[in-house]
Amino acid sequence: MREDNKVKTDKRIRLGEILLKWGVINRQQLDQVLEIQKVSKKHLGEVLIQEGLINERTLAEAFAEEFHLPFIDLSKEKIDKNVVNIFPPQILKRYQALPFKKEED
């Protein structure tokens, strides 16, 4: 997560506004991809990636910011199989979840 540009409000800020605030895209680029999105009916993130304006990691970081969730790079985490096995596979699949570690309260 980009700590220096962290959104400090409880109100949800939309994806495009987050990327503008971070300086990843400019207003003209956002307006252009919003037009493409209207015609293509694709998700904004998909259009931003398709147009080469952001990559998947930046999209994931921005989503985390948008929904006030921490961004976790799983490639840098050791996944604890014991934690994964706590949950039934059908629940993990249904919620598209991957528990990777257990934290004590």
N, C-alpha and C. Protein backbone atom coordinates (compact mmCIF):
# COMPACT_ATOMS: atom_id res chain seq x y z
N MET A 1 0.84 -1.17 0.00
CA MET A 1 0.00 0.00 0.00
C MET A 1 0.89 1.23 0.00
N ARG A 2 0.49 2.23 -0.65
CA ARG A 2 1.26 3.45 -0.74
C ARG A 2 0.93 4.32 0.47
N GLU A 3 1.76 4.22 1.49
CA GLU A 3 1.51 4.91 2.76
C GLU A 3 1.50 6.42 2.61
N ASP A 4 2.36 6.95 1.73
CA ASP A 4 2.46 8.40 1.59
C ASP A 4 1.20 9.02 0.98
N ASN A 5 0.42 8.24 0.27
CA ASN A 5 -0.79 8.75 -0.35
C ASN A 5 -2.04 8.07 0.19
N LYS A 6 -1.95 7.54 1.38
CA LYS A 6 -3.04 6.78 1.95
C LYS A 6 -4.30 7.63 2.10
N VAL A 7 -5.42 7.06 1.68
CA VAL A 7 -6.70 7.74 1.80
C VAL A 7 -7.10 7.70 3.26
N LYS A 8 -7.38 8.87 3.86
CA LYS A 8 -7.67 8.94 5.28
C LYS A 8 -9.11 9.33 5.53
N THR A 9 -10.02 8.58 4.98
CA THR A 9 -11.44 8.86 5.16
C THR A 9 -12.21 7.56 5.22
N ASP A 10 -13.34 7.59 5.88
CA ASP A 10 -14.17 6.40 5.95
C ASP A 10 -15.02 6.25 4.69
N LYS A 11 -15.19 7.35 3.96
CA LYS A 11 -15.98 7.31 2.73
C LYS A 11 -15.17 6.63 1.63
N ARG A 12 -15.81 5.75 0.90
CA ARG A 12 -15.13 5.02 -0.18
C ARG A 12 -14.80 5.97 -1.32
N ILE A 13 -13.56 5.95 -1.73
CA ILE A 13 -13.11 6.73 -2.88
C ILE A 13 -12.96 5.76 -4.05
N ARG A 14 -13.46 6.15 -5.17
CA ARG A 14 -13.48 5.27 -6.33
C ARG A 14 -12.07 5.04 -6.88
N LEU A 15 -11.95 3.93 -7.59
CA LEU A 15 -10.68 3.47 -8.13
C LEU A 15 -9.95 4.56 -8.92
N GLY A 16 -10.62 5.20 -9.85
CA GLY A 16 -9.99 6.22 -10.68
C GLY A 16 -9.45 7.38 -9.86
N GLU A 17 -10.20 7.79 -8.84
CA GLU A 17 -9.76 8.89 -7.98
C GLU A 17 -8.53 8.52 -7.17
N ILE A 18 -8.45 7.28 -6.75
CA ILE A 18 -7.26 6.81 -6.02
C ILE A 18 -6.04 6.88 -6.92
N LEU A 19 -6.18 6.38 -8.13
CA LEU A 19 -5.05 6.38 -9.07
C LEU A 19 -4.63 7.81 -9.43
N LEU A 20 -5.61 8.71 -9.53
CA LEU A 20 -5.28 10.13 -9.75
C LEU A 20 -4.50 10.69 -8.57
N LYS A 21 -4.97 10.41 -7.38
CA LYS A 21 -4.32 10.93 -6.17
C LYS A 21 -2.88 10.41 -6.06
N TRP A 22 -2.67 9.16 -6.43
CA TRP A 22 -1.33 8.59 -6.39
C TRP A 22 -0.44 9.12 -7.51
N GLY A 23 -1.02 9.75 -8.52
CA GLY A 23 -0.24 10.24 -9.65
C GLY A 23 0.08 9.16 -10.67
N VAL A 24 -0.62 8.05 -10.60
CA VAL A 24 -0.39 6.93 -11.52
C VAL A 24 -0.96 7.25 -12.90
N ILE A 25 -2.10 7.93 -12.92
CA ILE A 25 -2.72 8.37 -14.16
C ILE A 25 -3.10 9.85 -14.01
N ASN A 26 -3.38 10.49 -15.13
CA ASN A 26 -3.84 11.88 -15.06
C ASN A 26 -5.32 11.94 -15.45
N ARG A 27 -5.92 13.10 -15.30
CA ARG A 27 -7.36 13.27 -15.55
C ARG A 27 -7.73 12.91 -16.99
N GLN A 28 -6.90 13.31 -17.94
CA GLN A 28 -7.18 13.01 -19.35
C GLN A 28 -7.19 11.49 -19.58
N GLN A 29 -6.23 10.79 -19.00
CA GLN A 29 -6.19 9.34 -19.16
C GLN A 29 -7.42 8.69 -18.52
N LEU A 30 -7.81 9.17 -17.34
CA LEU A 30 -8.99 8.62 -16.68
C LEU A 30 -10.23 8.84 -17.54
N ASP A 31 -10.39 10.03 -18.06
CA ASP A 31 -11.55 10.33 -18.92
C ASP A 31 -11.57 9.42 -20.15
N GLN A 32 -10.39 9.18 -20.73
CA GLN A 32 -10.31 8.32 -21.92
C GLN A 32 -10.72 6.88 -21.58
N VAL A 33 -10.20 6.34 -20.48
CA VAL A 33 -10.55 4.95 -20.14
C VAL A 33 -12.00 4.82 -19.70
N LEU A 34 -12.56 5.87 -19.12
CA LEU A 34 -13.98 5.83 -18.76
C LEU A 34 -14.84 5.77 -20.02
N GLU A 35 -14.43 6.47 -21.08
CA GLU A 35 -15.15 6.39 -22.36
C GLU A 35 -15.03 4.99 -22.95
N ILE A 36 -13.83 4.43 -22.91
CA ILE A 36 -13.63 3.06 -23.41
C ILE A 36 -14.48 2.08 -22.60
N GLN A 37 -14.51 2.29 -21.30
CA GLN A 37 -15.29 1.41 -20.43
C GLN A 37 -16.78 1.44 -20.79
N LYS A 38 -17.31 2.62 -21.07
CA LYS A 38 -18.73 2.75 -21.43
C LYS A 38 -19.06 1.90 -22.66
N VAL A 39 -18.19 1.99 -23.65
CA VAL A 39 -18.42 1.27 -24.91
C VAL A 39 -18.19 -0.23 -24.75
N SER A 40 -17.11 -0.59 -24.05
CA SER A 40 -16.73 -1.99 -23.95
C SER A 40 -17.48 -2.76 -22.88
N LYS A 41 -18.07 -2.05 -21.92
CA LYS A 41 -18.78 -2.66 -20.79
C LYS A 41 -17.85 -3.49 -19.90
N LYS A 42 -16.54 -3.22 -19.97
CA LYS A 42 -15.56 -3.92 -19.13
C LYS A 42 -15.39 -3.15 -17.83
N HIS A 43 -14.82 -3.82 -16.85
CA HIS A 43 -14.50 -3.16 -15.58
C HIS A 43 -13.37 -2.16 -15.81
N LEU A 44 -13.40 -1.09 -15.03
CA LEU A 44 -12.40 -0.03 -15.18
C LEU A 44 -10.98 -0.57 -15.04
N GLY A 45 -10.74 -1.40 -14.04
CA GLY A 45 -9.41 -1.96 -13.84
C GLY A 45 -8.92 -2.73 -15.05
N GLU A 46 -9.83 -3.48 -15.65
CA GLU A 46 -9.48 -4.25 -16.84
C GLU A 46 -9.07 -3.32 -17.99
N VAL A 47 -9.81 -2.23 -18.16
CA VAL A 47 -9.49 -1.28 -19.22
C VAL A 47 -8.15 -0.58 -18.94
N LEU A 48 -7.93 -0.21 -17.69
CA LEU A 48 -6.66 0.44 -17.33
C LEU A 48 -5.46 -0.46 -17.63
N ILE A 49 -5.59 -1.73 -17.34
CA ILE A 49 -4.51 -2.69 -17.63
C ILE A 49 -4.38 -2.88 -19.14
N GLN A 50 -5.51 -3.06 -19.82
CA GLN A 50 -5.52 -3.26 -21.27
C GLN A 50 -4.86 -2.09 -21.99
N GLU A 51 -5.06 -0.89 -21.50
CA GLU A 51 -4.48 0.30 -22.12
C GLU A 51 -3.03 0.54 -21.68
N GLY A 52 -2.51 -0.30 -20.80
CA GLY A 52 -1.12 -0.20 -20.38
C GLY A 52 -0.86 0.92 -19.38
N LEU A 53 -1.91 1.40 -18.72
CA LEU A 53 -1.74 2.51 -17.78
C LEU A 53 -1.34 2.04 -16.39
N ILE A 54 -1.74 0.84 -16.03
CA ILE A 54 -1.37 0.25 -14.73
C ILE A 54 -1.10 -1.23 -14.92
N ASN A 55 -0.50 -1.84 -13.91
CA ASN A 55 -0.32 -3.29 -13.93
C ASN A 55 -1.23 -3.92 -12.87
N GLU A 56 -1.25 -5.23 -12.82
CA GLU A 56 -2.15 -5.93 -11.90
C GLU A 56 -1.84 -5.62 -10.43
N ARG A 57 -0.59 -5.46 -10.10
CA ARG A 57 -0.24 -5.15 -8.71
C ARG A 57 -0.78 -3.78 -8.29
N THR A 58 -0.63 -2.79 -9.16
CA THR A 58 -1.15 -1.45 -8.86
C THR A 58 -2.67 -1.51 -8.70
N LEU A 59 -3.33 -2.29 -9.54
CA LEU A 59 -4.78 -2.46 -9.42
C LEU A 59 -5.14 -3.08 -8.08
N ALA A 60 -4.41 -4.11 -7.68
CA ALA A 60 -4.68 -4.76 -6.39
C ALA A 60 -4.45 -3.80 -5.22
N GLU A 61 -3.37 -3.02 -5.29
CA GLU A 61 -3.09 -2.04 -4.24
C GLU A 61 -4.19 -0.98 -4.17
N ALA A 62 -4.67 -0.55 -5.33
CA ALA A 62 -5.73 0.46 -5.37
C ALA A 62 -7.05 -0.11 -4.84
N PHE A 63 -7.36 -1.36 -5.17
CA PHE A 63 -8.56 -1.99 -4.62
C PHE A 63 -8.47 -2.07 -3.10
N ALA A 64 -7.31 -2.44 -2.60
CA ALA A 64 -7.12 -2.51 -1.15
C ALA A 64 -7.40 -1.15 -0.53
N GLU A 65 -6.89 -0.11 -1.14
CA GLU A 65 -7.11 1.25 -0.65
C GLU A 65 -8.60 1.61 -0.74
N GLU A 66 -9.22 1.28 -1.84
CA GLU A 66 -10.64 1.63 -2.05
C GLU A 66 -11.53 1.00 -0.98
N PHE A 67 -11.23 -0.23 -0.61
CA PHE A 67 -12.08 -0.94 0.34
C PHE A 67 -11.51 -0.96 1.76
N HIS A 68 -10.50 -0.11 1.99
CA HIS A 68 -9.90 0.03 3.33
C HIS A 68 -9.40 -1.30 3.89
N LEU A 69 -8.70 -2.04 3.04
CA LEU A 69 -8.12 -3.32 3.41
C LEU A 69 -6.61 -3.26 3.25
N PRO A 70 -5.89 -4.04 4.04
CA PRO A 70 -4.44 -4.06 3.84
C PRO A 70 -4.09 -4.80 2.54
N PHE A 71 -3.04 -4.35 1.88
CA PHE A 71 -2.55 -5.06 0.71
C PHE A 71 -1.47 -6.03 1.19
N ILE A 72 -1.61 -7.28 0.82
CA ILE A 72 -0.64 -8.30 1.22
C ILE A 72 -0.11 -8.97 -0.04
N ASP A 73 1.19 -8.90 -0.21
CA ASP A 73 1.85 -9.56 -1.33
C ASP A 73 2.12 -11.01 -0.92
N LEU A 74 1.28 -11.92 -1.40
CA LEU A 74 1.39 -13.32 -0.99
C LEU A 74 2.68 -13.98 -1.48
N SER A 75 3.33 -13.39 -2.47
CA SER A 75 4.59 -13.97 -2.94
C SER A 75 5.69 -13.81 -1.89
N LYS A 76 5.45 -12.90 -0.93
CA LYS A 76 6.43 -12.68 0.14
C LYS A 76 6.02 -13.32 1.46
N GLU A 77 4.91 -14.04 1.44
CA GLU A 77 4.40 -14.68 2.65
C GLU A 77 4.57 -16.18 2.57
N LYS A 78 4.83 -16.78 3.70
CA LYS A 78 4.86 -18.24 3.78
C LYS A 78 3.45 -18.69 4.15
N ILE A 79 2.84 -19.49 3.29
CA ILE A 79 1.48 -19.95 3.52
C ILE A 79 1.51 -21.17 4.44
N ASP A 80 0.84 -21.03 5.57
CA ASP A 80 0.77 -22.09 6.58
C ASP A 80 -0.34 -23.07 6.18
N LYS A 81 0.05 -24.27 5.76
CA LYS A 81 -0.93 -25.27 5.32
C LYS A 81 -1.89 -25.66 6.44
N ASN A 82 -1.43 -25.58 7.67
CA ASN A 82 -2.32 -25.90 8.79
C ASN A 82 -3.47 -24.91 8.88
N VAL A 83 -3.21 -23.65 8.56
CA VAL A 83 -4.26 -22.63 8.59
C VAL A 83 -5.23 -22.85 7.42
N VAL A 84 -4.69 -23.18 6.27
CA VAL A 84 -5.55 -23.43 5.10
C VAL A 84 -6.48 -24.59 5.38
N ASN A 85 -5.98 -25.61 6.04
CA ASN A 85 -6.77 -26.82 6.29
C ASN A 85 -7.83 -26.66 7.38
N ILE A 86 -7.86 -25.52 8.06
CA ILE A 86 -8.89 -25.26 9.06
C ILE A 86 -10.26 -25.11 8.39
N PHE A 87 -10.26 -24.59 7.17
CA PHE A 87 -11.50 -24.26 6.47
C PHE A 87 -11.84 -25.31 5.42
N PRO A 88 -13.11 -25.64 5.27
CA PRO A 88 -13.51 -26.58 4.22
C PRO A 88 -13.23 -25.97 2.84
N PRO A 89 -12.74 -26.77 1.91
CA PRO A 89 -12.41 -26.27 0.57
C PRO A 89 -13.56 -25.55 -0.12
N GLN A 90 -14.79 -26.04 0.08
CA GLN A 90 -15.93 -25.40 -0.59
C GLN A 90 -16.17 -23.97 -0.08
N ILE A 91 -15.85 -23.71 1.19
CA ILE A 91 -15.98 -22.35 1.74
C ILE A 91 -14.91 -21.44 1.14
N LEU A 92 -13.69 -21.95 1.06
CA LEU A 92 -12.60 -21.15 0.47
C LEU A 92 -12.90 -20.81 -0.99
N LYS A 93 -13.42 -21.79 -1.71
CA LYS A 93 -13.75 -21.55 -3.12
C LYS A 93 -14.92 -20.57 -3.24
N ARG A 94 -15.93 -20.75 -2.43
CA ARG A 94 -17.13 -19.89 -2.49
C ARG A 94 -16.76 -18.41 -2.26
N TYR A 95 -15.89 -18.17 -1.29
CA TYR A 95 -15.52 -16.80 -0.95
C TYR A 95 -14.21 -16.35 -1.58
N GLN A 96 -13.64 -17.20 -2.42
CA GLN A 96 -12.37 -16.92 -3.07
C GLN A 96 -11.35 -16.44 -2.05
N ALA A 97 -11.22 -17.22 -0.99
CA ALA A 97 -10.36 -16.84 0.13
C ALA A 97 -9.15 -17.78 0.22
N LEU A 98 -8.06 -17.22 0.72
CA LEU A 98 -6.86 -18.01 0.98
C LEU A 98 -6.29 -17.58 2.32
N PRO A 99 -6.64 -18.31 3.37
CA PRO A 99 -6.00 -18.00 4.66
C PRO A 99 -4.54 -18.40 4.58
N PHE A 100 -3.64 -17.56 5.06
CA PHE A 100 -2.24 -17.88 4.91
C PHE A 100 -1.47 -17.86 6.22
N LYS A 101 -2.04 -17.22 7.27
CA LYS A 101 -1.40 -17.28 8.57
C LYS A 101 -2.42 -16.96 9.64
N LYS A 102 -2.11 -17.39 10.84
CA LYS A 102 -3.00 -17.14 11.97
C LYS A 102 -2.33 -16.13 12.89
N GLU A 103 -3.07 -15.09 13.23
CA GLU A 103 -2.55 -14.09 14.14
C GLU A 103 -3.28 -14.21 15.47
N GLU A 104 -2.54 -14.03 16.52
CA GLU A 104 -3.14 -14.06 17.83
C GLU A 104 -3.81 -12.72 18.10
N ASP A 105 -4.91 -12.75 18.85
CA ASP A 105 -5.62 -11.50 19.20
C ASP A 105 -4.86 -10.67 20.17
